[in-house]
Amino acid sequence: MFESDNVFTAAILALAGAVIVFFALWISKREKPVAFWSGTIVLPEEITDVPAYNRAVARMWGLYGGCFFAGALVTLFAIEAGVIITLVLSLPGMIVLVRTYRRIYDKYGVVPYDERPGKRPFGR
């Protein structure tokens, strides 16, 4: 029914999506606020509603993981189209992740994201 190359590529994309979705589920159950950037810390005092903040961050990551599942589904039928859809959704999606996280932090943070002292990645 499906070609083996299509199934293999779809499985890899689905595995990537599953890892991201499981990460999102882990985030939603945490009691401490999660940080978006590697090497940064979000203190509980910085967030007004930690459970709502973590749920919003988890939803953001879950939707991003869905991009890989969409690509995997299309890949089963046409490998080129599936890979293109995955790239079109996931690469610009990284920019959307950054912007969405900033909005989430501005909504739940005590101070706006741009006013966080010393917590930005790369010392900016």
C-alpha atoms as a PDB file:
ATOM      1  CA  MET A   1       0.000   0.000   0.000  1.00  0.00           C
ATOM      2  CA  PHE A   2       2.660   2.565   1.073  1.00  0.00           C
ATOM      3  CA  GLU A   3       6.253   2.554  -0.117  1.00  0.00           C
ATOM      4  CA  SER A   4       8.853   1.669   2.501  1.00  0.00           C
ATOM      5  CA  ASP A   5      10.678   4.994   2.067  1.00  0.00           C
ATOM      6  CA  ASN A   6       7.454   6.851   2.755  1.00  0.00           C
ATOM      7  CA  VAL A   7       6.714   4.797   5.869  1.00  0.00           C
ATOM      8  CA  PHE A   8      10.255   5.231   7.218  1.00  0.00           C
ATOM      9  CA  THR A   9      10.230   8.998   6.697  1.00  0.00           C
ATOM     10  CA  ALA A  10       6.733   9.284   8.163  1.00  0.00           C
ATOM     11  CA  ALA A  11       7.848   7.275  11.203  1.00  0.00           C
ATOM     12  CA  ILE A  12      10.831   9.564  11.774  1.00  0.00           C
ATOM     13  CA  LEU A  13       8.645  12.674  11.494  1.00  0.00           C
ATOM     14  CA  ALA A  14       6.019  11.146  13.799  1.00  0.00           C
ATOM     15  CA  LEU A  15       8.734  10.241  16.322  1.00  0.00           C
ATOM     16  CA  ALA A  16      10.010  13.844  16.286  1.00  0.00           C
ATOM     17  CA  GLY A  17       6.451  15.089  16.788  1.00  0.00           C
ATOM     18  CA  ALA A  18       5.898  12.606  19.623  1.00  0.00           C
ATOM     19  CA  VAL A  19       9.027  13.761  21.442  1.00  0.00           C
ATOM     20  CA  ILE A  20       7.865  17.372  21.245  1.00  0.00           C
ATOM     21  CA  VAL A  21       4.314  16.492  22.354  1.00  0.00           C
ATOM     22  CA  PHE A  22       5.595  14.422  25.302  1.00  0.00           C
ATOM     23  CA  PHE A  23       7.802  17.380  26.236  1.00  0.00           C
ATOM     24  CA  ALA A  24       4.685  19.581  26.148  1.00  0.00           C
ATOM     25  CA  LEU A  25       2.811  17.142  28.395  1.00  0.00           C
ATOM     26  CA  TRP A  26       5.724  17.147  30.842  1.00  0.00           C
ATOM     27  CA  ILE A  27       5.699  20.956  30.889  1.00  0.00           C
ATOM     28  CA  SER A  28       1.977  21.098  31.619  1.00  0.00           C
ATOM     29  CA  LYS A  29       2.423  18.982  34.777  1.00  0.00           C
ATOM     30  CA  ARG A  30       5.367  20.906  36.258  1.00  0.00           C
ATOM     31  CA  GLU A  31       4.951  22.968  39.392  1.00  0.00           C
ATOM     32  CA  LYS A  32       7.835  25.336  38.633  1.00  0.00           C
ATOM     33  CA  PRO A  33       7.733  27.656  35.620  1.00  0.00           C
ATOM     34  CA  VAL A  34       9.658  26.427  32.588  1.00  0.00           C
ATOM     35  CA  ALA A  35      12.138  28.519  30.649  1.00  0.00           C
ATOM     36  CA  PHE A  36      12.066  28.771  26.886  1.00  0.00           C
ATOM     37  CA  TRP A  37      15.754  29.506  26.335  1.00  0.00           C
ATOM     38  CA  SER A  38      18.422  27.020  27.280  1.00  0.00           C
ATOM     39  CA  GLY A  39      20.518  28.290  30.162  1.00  0.00           C
ATOM     40  CA  THR A  40      17.913  30.710  31.490  1.00  0.00           C
ATOM     41  CA  ILE A  41      15.811  30.393  34.600  1.00  0.00           C
ATOM     42  CA  VAL A  42      12.276  31.607  35.170  1.00  0.00           C
ATOM     43  CA  LEU A  43      11.698  32.077  38.875  1.00  0.00           C
ATOM     44  CA  PRO A  44       8.248  31.467  40.385  1.00  0.00           C
ATOM     45  CA  GLU A  45       8.274  35.072  41.636  1.00  0.00           C
ATOM     46  CA  GLU A  46       8.454  36.296  38.023  1.00  0.00           C
ATOM     47  CA  ILE A  47       5.162  34.633  37.012  1.00  0.00           C
ATOM     48  CA  THR A  48       1.731  35.620  38.289  1.00  0.00           C
ATOM     49  CA  ASP A  49      -0.013  32.269  37.557  1.00  0.00           C
ATOM     50  CA  VAL A  50       2.501  29.421  37.168  1.00  0.00           C
ATOM     51  CA  PRO A  51       0.015  26.635  36.202  1.00  0.00           C
ATOM     52  CA  ALA A  52      -1.605  28.819  33.526  1.00  0.00           C
ATOM     53  CA  TYR A  53       1.832  29.904  32.269  1.00  0.00           C
ATOM     54  CA  ASN A  54       3.023  26.293  31.997  1.00  0.00           C
ATOM     55  CA  ARG A  55      -0.202  25.257  30.239  1.00  0.00           C
ATOM     56  CA  ALA A  56       0.241  28.061  27.702  1.00  0.00           C
ATOM     57  CA  VAL A  57       3.874  27.082  27.051  1.00  0.00           C
ATOM     58  CA  ALA A  58       2.834  23.416  26.774  1.00  0.00           C
ATOM     59  CA  ARG A  59       0.083  24.296  24.286  1.00  0.00           C
ATOM     60  CA  MET A  60       2.620  26.244  22.223  1.00  0.00           C
ATOM     61  CA  TRP A  61       4.993  23.248  22.080  1.00  0.00           C
ATOM     62  CA  GLY A  62       2.125  20.816  21.432  1.00  0.00           C
ATOM     63  CA  LEU A  63       1.010  22.777  18.394  1.00  0.00           C
ATOM     64  CA  TYR A  64       4.578  22.846  17.125  1.00  0.00           C
ATOM     65  CA  GLY A  65       4.775  19.063  17.513  1.00  0.00           C
ATOM     66  CA  GLY A  66       1.584  18.829  15.470  1.00  0.00           C
ATOM     67  CA  CYS A  67       3.486  20.276  12.495  1.00  0.00           C
ATOM     68  CA  PHE A  68       5.583  17.109  12.404  1.00  0.00           C
ATOM     69  CA  PHE A  69       2.520  14.860  12.654  1.00  0.00           C
ATOM     70  CA  ALA A  70       0.935  16.727   9.730  1.00  0.00           C
ATOM     71  CA  GLY A  71       4.101  16.217   7.696  1.00  0.00           C
ATOM     72  CA  ALA A  72       4.186  12.534   8.661  1.00  0.00           C
ATOM     73  CA  LEU A  73       0.614  12.000   7.500  1.00  0.00           C
ATOM     74  CA  VAL A  74       1.223  13.617   4.122  1.00  0.00           C
ATOM     75  CA  THR A  75       4.533  11.757   3.741  1.00  0.00           C
ATOM     76  CA  LEU A  76       2.693   8.443   3.727  1.00  0.00           C
ATOM     77  CA  PHE A  77       1.129   9.415   0.402  1.00  0.00           C
ATOM     78  CA  ALA A  78       3.839  11.604  -1.171  1.00  0.00           C
ATOM     79  CA  ILE A  79       7.269  11.814   0.420  1.00  0.00           C
ATOM     80  CA  GLU A  80       8.280  15.057  -1.304  1.00  0.00           C
ATOM     81  CA  ALA A  81       5.075  16.826  -0.364  1.00  0.00           C
ATOM     82  CA  GLY A  82       5.351  15.653   3.240  1.00  0.00           C
ATOM     83  CA  VAL A  83       8.902  16.859   3.617  1.00  0.00           C
ATOM     84  CA  ILE A  84       8.014  20.213   2.041  1.00  0.00           C
ATOM     85  CA  ILE A  85       5.008  20.617   4.336  1.00  0.00           C
ATOM     86  CA  THR A  86       7.158  19.761   7.366  1.00  0.00           C
ATOM     87  CA  LEU A  87       9.790  22.309   6.365  1.00  0.00           C
ATOM     88  CA  VAL A  88       7.217  24.995   5.538  1.00  0.00           C
ATOM     89  CA  LEU A  89       5.503  24.516   8.902  1.00  0.00           C
ATOM     90  CA  SER A  90       8.457  23.884  11.200  1.00  0.00           C
ATOM     91  CA  LEU A  91      11.151  26.309  10.043  1.00  0.00           C
ATOM     92  CA  PRO A  92       9.012  29.470  10.182  1.00  0.00           C
ATOM     93  CA  GLY A  93       7.380  27.868  13.217  1.00  0.00           C
ATOM     94  CA  MET A  94      10.597  28.441  15.146  1.00  0.00           C
ATOM     95  CA  ILE A  95      10.150  32.184  14.729  1.00  0.00           C
ATOM     96  CA  VAL A  96       6.525  31.816  15.763  1.00  0.00           C
ATOM     97  CA  LEU A  97       7.669  29.913  18.877  1.00  0.00           C
ATOM     98  CA  VAL A  98       9.908  32.796  19.952  1.00  0.00           C
ATOM     99  CA  ARG A  99       7.208  35.410  19.382  1.00  0.00           C
ATOM    100  CA  THR A 100       4.537  33.303  21.063  1.00  0.00           C
ATOM    101  CA  TYR A 101       6.725  32.686  24.096  1.00  0.00           C
ATOM    102  CA  ARG A 102       7.372  36.407  24.454  1.00  0.00           C
ATOM    103  CA  ARG A 103       3.602  37.019  24.393  1.00  0.00           C
ATOM    104  CA  ILE A 104       3.039  34.295  26.980  1.00  0.00           C
ATOM    105  CA  TYR A 105       5.713  35.769  29.240  1.00  0.00           C
ATOM    106  CA  ASP A 106       4.296  39.278  28.825  1.00  0.00           C
ATOM    107  CA  LYS A 107       0.845  37.953  29.778  1.00  0.00           C
ATOM    108  CA  TYR A 108       1.912  36.001  32.887  1.00  0.00           C
ATOM    109  CA  GLY A 109       5.146  37.743  33.870  1.00  0.00           C
ATOM    110  CA  VAL A 110       5.362  40.307  36.641  1.00  0.00           C
ATOM    111  CA  VAL A 111       7.442  42.545  34.363  1.00  0.00           C
ATOM    112  CA  PRO A 112       7.460  42.537  30.539  1.00  0.00           C
ATOM    113  CA  TYR A 113       9.924  40.193  28.834  1.00  0.00           C
ATOM    114  CA  ASP A 114      12.146  43.036  27.626  1.00  0.00           C
ATOM    115  CA  GLU A 115      12.594  44.331  31.182  1.00  0.00           C
ATOM    116  CA  ARG A 116      13.870  41.039  32.681  1.00  0.00           C
ATOM    117  CA  PRO A 117      17.272  41.850  34.214  1.00  0.00           C
ATOM    118  CA  GLY A 118      20.044  39.373  33.420  1.00  0.00           C
ATOM    119  CA  LYS A 119      17.793  36.510  32.361  1.00  0.00           C
ATOM    120  CA  ARG A 120      18.089  36.817  28.589  1.00  0.00           C
ATOM    121  CA  PRO A 121      20.024  34.317  26.520  1.00  0.00           C
ATOM    122  CA  PHE A 122      23.486  35.199  25.274  1.00  0.00           C
ATOM    123  CA  GLY A 123      23.731  38.154  27.684  1.00  0.00           C
ATOM    124  CA  ARG A 124      21.434  40.402  25.637  1.00  0.00           C
END
